[in-house]
């Protein structure tokens, strides 16, 4: 059997196997994701003082360049 003849059988078999795997995973209900919980912290509020200082430092550098 030549190499080209093997590809004729291997490629469709791989495509069929991957299609079946994706279908079976999509049909299995145990992997359903829950809705994400909303954060109670405001998007503008940063609780980490070190991160706040780093952001302030970069903002000052950016303002100084322009």
PDB file of N, CA and C in Angstrom:
ATOM      1  N   UNK A   1       0.856  -1.168   0.000  1.00  0.00           N
ATOM      2  CA  UNK A   1       0.000   0.000   0.000  1.00  0.00           C
ATOM      3  C   UNK A   1       0.904   1.234   0.000  1.00  0.00           C
ATOM      4  N   UNK A   2       0.632   2.120  -0.917  1.00  0.00           N
ATOM      5  CA  UNK A   2       1.462   3.317  -1.014  1.00  0.00           C
ATOM      6  C   UNK A   2       1.075   4.328   0.053  1.00  0.00           C
ATOM      7  N   UNK A   3       1.934   5.328   0.198  1.00  0.00           N
ATOM      8  CA  UNK A   3       1.690   6.369   1.197  1.00  0.00           C
ATOM      9  C   UNK A   3       0.440   7.160   0.857  1.00  0.00           C
ATOM     10  N   UNK A   4       0.225   7.447  -0.412  1.00  0.00           N
ATOM     11  CA  UNK A   4      -0.967   8.212  -0.807  1.00  0.00           C
ATOM     12  C   UNK A   4      -2.239   7.429  -0.522  1.00  0.00           C
ATOM     13  N   UNK A   5      -2.190   6.124  -0.717  1.00  0.00           N
ATOM     14  CA  UNK A   5      -3.373   5.311  -0.436  1.00  0.00           C
ATOM     15  C   UNK A   5      -3.670   5.283   1.063  1.00  0.00           C
ATOM     16  N   UNK A   6      -2.634   5.337   1.888  1.00  0.00           N
ATOM     17  CA  UNK A   6      -2.852   5.379   3.332  1.00  0.00           C
ATOM     18  C   UNK A   6      -3.536   6.680   3.745  1.00  0.00           C
ATOM     19  N   UNK A   7      -3.140   7.793   3.138  1.00  0.00           N
ATOM     20  CA  UNK A   7      -3.775   9.075   3.458  1.00  0.00           C
ATOM     21  C   UNK A   7      -5.258   9.066   3.119  1.00  0.00           C
ATOM     22  N   UNK A   8      -5.612   8.320   2.082  1.00  0.00           N
ATOM     23  CA  UNK A   8      -7.023   8.232   1.696  1.00  0.00           C
ATOM     24  C   UNK A   8      -7.843   7.619   2.819  1.00  0.00           C
ATOM     25  N   UNK A   9      -7.258   6.732   3.608  1.00  0.00           N
ATOM     26  CA  UNK A   9      -7.973   6.102   4.711  1.00  0.00           C
ATOM     27  C   UNK A   9      -7.746   6.812   6.035  1.00  0.00           C
ATOM     28  N   UNK A  10      -6.558   7.358   6.246  1.00  0.00           N
ATOM     29  CA  UNK A  10      -6.236   7.960   7.545  1.00  0.00           C
ATOM     30  C   UNK A  10      -6.950   9.288   7.747  1.00  0.00           C
ATOM     31  N   UNK A  11      -6.916  10.165   6.769  1.00  0.00           N
ATOM     32  CA  UNK A  11      -7.510  11.503   6.922  1.00  0.00           C
ATOM     33  C   UNK A  11      -9.011  11.434   7.201  1.00  0.00           C
ATOM     34  N   UNK A  12      -9.807  10.674   6.441  1.00  0.00           N
ATOM     35  CA  UNK A  12     -11.238  10.593   6.797  1.00  0.00           C
ATOM     36  C   UNK A  12     -11.481   9.959   8.163  1.00  0.00           C
ATOM     37  N   UNK A  13     -10.651   8.993   8.548  1.00  0.00           N
ATOM     38  CA  UNK A  13     -10.829   8.370   9.863  1.00  0.00           C
ATOM     39  C   UNK A  13     -10.547   9.364  10.980  1.00  0.00           C
ATOM     40  N   UNK A  14      -9.526  10.192  10.834  1.00  0.00           N
ATOM     41  CA  UNK A  14      -9.203  11.200  11.846  1.00  0.00           C
ATOM     42  C   UNK A  14     -10.298  12.253  11.914  1.00  0.00           C
ATOM     43  N   UNK A  15     -10.790  12.687  10.770  1.00  0.00           N
ATOM     44  CA  UNK A  15     -11.873  13.670  10.749  1.00  0.00           C
ATOM     45  C   UNK A  15     -13.135  13.113  11.401  1.00  0.00           C
ATOM     46  N   UNK A  16     -13.473  11.872  11.109  1.00  0.00           N
ATOM     47  CA  UNK A  16     -14.654  11.260  11.699  1.00  0.00           C
ATOM     48  C   UNK A  16     -14.493  11.099  13.209  1.00  0.00           C
ATOM     49  N   UNK A  17     -13.326  10.679  13.647  1.00  0.00           N
ATOM     50  CA  UNK A  17     -13.091  10.498  15.090  1.00  0.00           C
ATOM     51  C   UNK A  17     -13.160  11.825  15.827  1.00  0.00           C
ATOM     52  N   UNK A  18     -12.576  12.888  15.270  1.00  0.00           N
ATOM     53  CA  UNK A  18     -12.629  14.180  15.951  1.00  0.00           C
ATOM     54  C   UNK A  18     -14.046  14.730  15.964  1.00  0.00           C
ATOM     55  N   UNK A  19     -14.800  14.521  14.880  1.00  0.00           N
ATOM     56  CA  UNK A  19     -16.188  14.977  14.828  1.00  0.00           C
ATOM     57  C   UNK A  19     -17.024  14.257  15.885  1.00  0.00           C
ATOM     58  N   UNK A  20     -16.823  12.951  16.018  1.00  0.00           N
ATOM     59  CA  UNK A  20     -17.567  12.195  17.031  1.00  0.00           C
ATOM     60  C   UNK A  20     -17.180  12.617  18.441  1.00  0.00           C
ATOM     61  N   UNK A  21     -15.917  12.899  18.665  1.00  0.00           N
ATOM     62  CA  UNK A  21     -15.475  13.327  19.984  1.00  0.00           C
ATOM     63  C   UNK A  21     -16.092  14.668  20.365  1.00  0.00           C
ATOM     64  N   UNK A  22     -16.117  15.596  19.448  1.00  0.00           N
ATOM     65  CA  UNK A  22     -16.698  16.919  19.727  1.00  0.00           C
ATOM     66  C   UNK A  22     -18.190  16.802  19.957  1.00  0.00           C
ATOM     67  N   UNK A  23     -18.867  15.988  19.169  1.00  0.00           N
ATOM     68  CA  UNK A  23     -20.315  15.807  19.342  1.00  0.00           C
ATOM     69  C   UNK A  23     -20.629  15.174  20.688  1.00  0.00           C
ATOM     70  N   UNK A  24     -19.854  14.179  21.082  1.00  0.00           N
ATOM     71  CA  UNK A  24     -20.145  13.505  22.341  1.00  0.00           C
ATOM     72  C   UNK A  24     -19.857  14.415  23.530  1.00  0.00           C
ATOM     73  N   UNK A  25     -18.809  15.237  23.456  1.00  0.00           N
ATOM     74  CA  UNK A  25     -18.533  16.176  24.543  1.00  0.00           C
ATOM     75  C   UNK A  25     -19.597  17.260  24.625  1.00  0.00           C
ATOM     76  N   UNK A  26     -20.086  17.707  23.475  1.00  0.00           N
ATOM     77  CA  UNK A  26     -21.111  18.747  23.471  1.00  0.00           C
ATOM     78  C   UNK A  26     -22.446  18.218  23.984  1.00  0.00           C
ATOM     79  N   UNK A  27     -22.696  16.939  23.811  1.00  0.00           N
ATOM     80  CA  UNK A  27     -23.967  16.366  24.225  1.00  0.00           C
ATOM     81  C   UNK A  27     -23.972  15.959  25.691  1.00  0.00           C
ATOM     82  N   UNK A  28     -22.821  15.927  26.327  1.00  0.00           N
ATOM     83  CA  UNK A  28     -22.737  15.480  27.717  1.00  0.00           C
ATOM     84  C   UNK A  28     -23.067  16.651  28.639  1.00  0.00           C
ATOM     85  N   UNK A  29     -24.170  16.607  29.395  1.00  0.00           N
ATOM     86  CA  UNK A  29     -24.616  17.770  30.171  1.00  0.00           C
ATOM     87  C   UNK A  29     -23.825  18.036  31.447  1.00  0.00           C
ATOM     88  N   UNK A  30     -22.930  17.163  31.863  1.00  0.00           N
ATOM     89  CA  UNK A  30     -22.217  17.367  33.121  1.00  0.00           C
ATOM     90  C   UNK A  30     -21.206  18.507  33.031  1.00  0.00           C
ATOM     91  N   UNK A  31     -20.831  18.901  31.848  1.00  0.00           N
ATOM     92  CA  UNK A  31     -19.830  19.942  31.690  1.00  0.00           C
ATOM     93  C   UNK A  31     -20.438  21.330  31.486  1.00  0.00           C
ATOM     94  N   UNK A  32     -21.712  21.497  31.816  1.00  0.00           N
ATOM     95  CA  UNK A  32     -22.338  22.805  31.658  1.00  0.00           C
ATOM     96  C   UNK A  32     -21.683  23.801  32.606  1.00  0.00           C
ATOM     97  N   UNK A  33     -21.443  24.971  32.102  1.00  0.00           N
ATOM     98  CA  UNK A  33     -20.816  26.006  32.925  1.00  0.00           C
ATOM     99  C   UNK A  33     -21.891  26.837  33.604  1.00  0.00           C
ATOM    100  N   UNK A  34     -21.600  27.245  34.808  1.00  0.00           N
ATOM    101  CA  UNK A  34     -22.529  28.097  35.537  1.00  0.00           C
ATOM    102  C   UNK A  34     -22.332  29.546  35.114  1.00  0.00           C
ATOM    103  N   UNK A  35     -23.331  30.358  35.373  1.00  0.00           N
ATOM    104  CA  UNK A  35     -23.217  31.781  35.077  1.00  0.00           C
ATOM    105  C   UNK A  35     -22.169  32.406  35.982  1.00  0.00           C
ATOM    106  N   UNK A  36     -21.355  33.296  35.469  1.00  0.00           N
ATOM    107  CA  UNK A  36     -20.338  33.931  36.316  1.00  0.00           C
ATOM    108  C   UNK A  36     -20.991  34.857  37.338  1.00  0.00           C
ATOM    109  N   UNK A  37     -20.405  34.909  38.518  1.00  0.00           N
ATOM    110  CA  UNK A  37     -20.914  35.780  39.569  1.00  0.00           C
ATOM    111  C   UNK A  37     -20.375  37.195  39.361  1.00  0.00           C
ATOM    112  N   UNK A  38     -21.236  38.167  39.526  1.00  0.00           N
ATOM    113  CA  UNK A  38     -20.824  39.546  39.374  1.00  0.00           C
ATOM    114  C   UNK A  38     -20.018  39.981  40.586  1.00  0.00           C
ATOM    115  N   UNK A  39     -19.015  40.759  40.345  1.00  0.00           N
ATOM    116  CA  UNK A  39     -18.167  41.235  41.428  1.00  0.00           C
ATOM    117  C   UNK A  39     -18.868  42.366  42.163  1.00  0.00           C
ATOM    118  N   UNK A  40     -18.685  42.404  43.461  1.00  0.00           N
ATOM    119  CA  UNK A  40     -19.278  43.469  44.262  1.00  0.00           C
ATOM    120  C   UNK A  40     -18.386  44.709  44.298  1.00  0.00           C
ATOM    121  N   UNK A  41     -17.156  44.604  43.814  1.00  0.00           N
ATOM    122  CA  UNK A  41     -16.219  45.712  43.829  1.00  0.00           C
ATOM    123  C   UNK A  41     -16.379  46.512  42.541  1.00  0.00           C
ATOM    124  N   UNK A  42     -16.356  47.801  42.672  1.00  0.00           N
ATOM    125  CA  UNK A  42     -16.460  48.675  41.510  1.00  0.00           C
ATOM    126  C   UNK A  42     -15.259  48.483  40.602  1.00  0.00           C
ATOM    127  N   UNK A  43     -15.446  48.677  39.306  1.00  0.00           N
ATOM    128  CA  UNK A  43     -14.355  48.507  38.349  1.00  0.00           C
ATOM    129  C   UNK A  43     -13.286  49.576  38.541  1.00  0.00           C
ATOM    130  N   UNK A  44     -13.644  50.729  39.095  1.00  0.00           N
ATOM    131  CA  UNK A  44     -12.681  51.823  39.277  1.00  0.00           C
ATOM    132  C   UNK A  44     -11.852  51.653  40.552  1.00  0.00           C
ATOM    133  N   UNK A  45     -12.307  50.827  41.448  1.00  0.00           N
ATOM    134  CA  UNK A  45     -11.663  50.673  42.743  1.00  0.00           C
ATOM    135  C   UNK A  45     -10.606  49.562  42.673  1.00  0.00           C
ATOM    136  N   UNK A  46      -9.381  49.886  43.088  1.00  0.00           N
ATOM    137  CA  UNK A  46      -8.305  48.898  43.130  1.00  0.00           C
ATOM    138  C   UNK A  46      -7.920  48.715  44.585  1.00  0.00           C
ATOM    139  N   UNK A  47      -8.016  47.479  45.065  1.00  0.00           N
ATOM    140  CA  UNK A  47      -7.784  47.210  46.478  1.00  0.00           C
ATOM    141  C   UNK A  47      -6.306  47.009  46.801  1.00  0.00           C
ATOM    142  N   UNK A  48      -5.464  46.809  45.805  1.00  0.00           N
ATOM    143  CA  UNK A  48      -4.052  46.525  46.041  1.00  0.00           C
ATOM    144  C   UNK A  48      -3.240  47.823  45.976  1.00  0.00           C
ATOM    145  N   UNK A  49      -2.640  48.264  47.094  1.00  0.00           N
ATOM    146  CA  UNK A  49      -1.897  49.521  47.086  1.00  0.00           C
ATOM    147  C   UNK A  49      -0.637  49.461  46.217  1.00  0.00           C
ATOM    148  N   UNK A  50       0.016  48.311  46.146  1.00  0.00           N
ATOM    149  CA  UNK A  50       1.212  48.199  45.310  1.00  0.00           C
ATOM    150  C   UNK A  50       0.849  48.340  43.830  1.00  0.00           C
ATOM    151  N   UNK A  51      -0.258  47.720  43.436  1.00  0.00           N
ATOM    152  CA  UNK A  51      -0.702  47.839  42.047  1.00  0.00           C
ATOM    153  C   UNK A  51      -1.144  49.263  41.741  1.00  0.00           C
ATOM    154  N   UNK A  52      -1.797  49.904  42.681  1.00  0.00           N
ATOM    155  CA  UNK A  52      -2.203  51.293  42.503  1.00  0.00           C
ATOM    156  C   UNK A  52      -0.991  52.193  42.299  1.00  0.00           C
ATOM    157  N   UNK A  53       0.049  51.985  43.087  1.00  0.00           N
ATOM    158  CA  UNK A  53       1.270  52.783  42.943  1.00  0.00           C
ATOM    159  C   UNK A  53       1.961  52.539  41.616  1.00  0.00           C
ATOM    160  N   UNK A  54       1.975  51.278  41.169  1.00  0.00           N
ATOM    161  CA  UNK A  54       2.598  50.959  39.886  1.00  0.00           C
ATOM    162  C   UNK A  54       1.846  51.613  38.731  1.00  0.00           C
ATOM    163  N   UNK A  55       0.529  51.555  38.776  1.00  0.00           N
ATOM    164  CA  UNK A  55      -0.275  52.189  37.732  1.00  0.00           C
ATOM    165  C   UNK A  55      -0.076  53.702  37.756  1.00  0.00           C
ATOM    166  N   UNK A  56      -0.034  54.283  38.941  1.00  0.00           N
ATOM    167  CA  UNK A  56       0.192  55.723  39.060  1.00  0.00           C
ATOM    168  C   UNK A  56       1.561  56.101  38.495  1.00  0.00           C
ATOM    169  N   UNK A  57       2.582  55.284  38.749  1.00  0.00           N
ATOM    170  CA  UNK A  57       3.928  55.529  38.238  1.00  0.00           C
ATOM    171  C   UNK A  57       3.935  55.519  36.705  1.00  0.00           C
ATOM    172  N   UNK A  58       3.295  54.508  36.116  1.00  0.00           N
ATOM    173  CA  UNK A  58       3.245  54.442  34.648  1.00  0.00           C
ATOM    174  C   UNK A  58       2.431  55.585  34.053  1.00  0.00           C
ATOM    175  N   UNK A  59       1.381  55.989  34.752  1.00  0.00           N
ATOM    176  CA  UNK A  59       0.569  57.116  34.263  1.00  0.00           C
ATOM    177  C   UNK A  59       1.364  58.412  34.305  1.00  0.00           C
ATOM    178  N   UNK A  60       2.148  58.606  35.356  1.00  0.00           N
ATOM    179  CA  UNK A  60       2.993  59.802  35.443  1.00  0.00           C
ATOM    180  C   UNK A  60       4.046  59.799  34.348  1.00  0.00           C
ATOM    181  N   UNK A  61       4.632  58.646  34.054  1.00  0.00           N
ATOM    182  CA  UNK A  61       5.615  58.553  32.971  1.00  0.00           C
ATOM    183  C   UNK A  61       4.977  58.877  31.629  1.00  0.00           C
ATOM    184  N   UNK A  62       3.769  58.375  31.395  1.00  0.00           N
ATOM    185  CA  UNK A  62       3.086  58.622  30.128  1.00  0.00           C
ATOM    186  C   UNK A  62       2.725  60.109  29.989  1.00  0.00           C
ATOM    187  N   UNK A  63       2.320  60.734  31.087  1.00  0.00           N
ATOM    188  CA  UNK A  63       1.992  62.146  31.024  1.00  0.00           C
ATOM    189  C   UNK A  63       3.252  62.973  30.779  1.00  0.00           C
ATOM    190  N   UNK A  64       4.371  62.545  31.313  1.00  0.00           N
ATOM    191  CA  UNK A  64       5.623  63.278  31.155  1.00  0.00           C
ATOM    192  C   UNK A  64       6.179  63.198  29.736  1.00  0.00           C
ATOM    193  N   UNK A  65       5.842  62.182  28.995  1.00  0.00           N
ATOM    194  CA  UNK A  65       6.349  62.022  27.633  1.00  0.00           C
ATOM    195  C   UNK A  65       5.616  62.907  26.639  1.00  0.00           C
ATOM    196  N   UNK A  66       4.417  63.319  26.966  1.00  0.00           N
ATOM    197  CA  UNK A  66       3.624  64.098  26.002  1.00  0.00           C
ATOM    198  C   UNK A  66       3.529  65.532  26.389  1.00  0.00           C
TER     199      UNK A  66
END
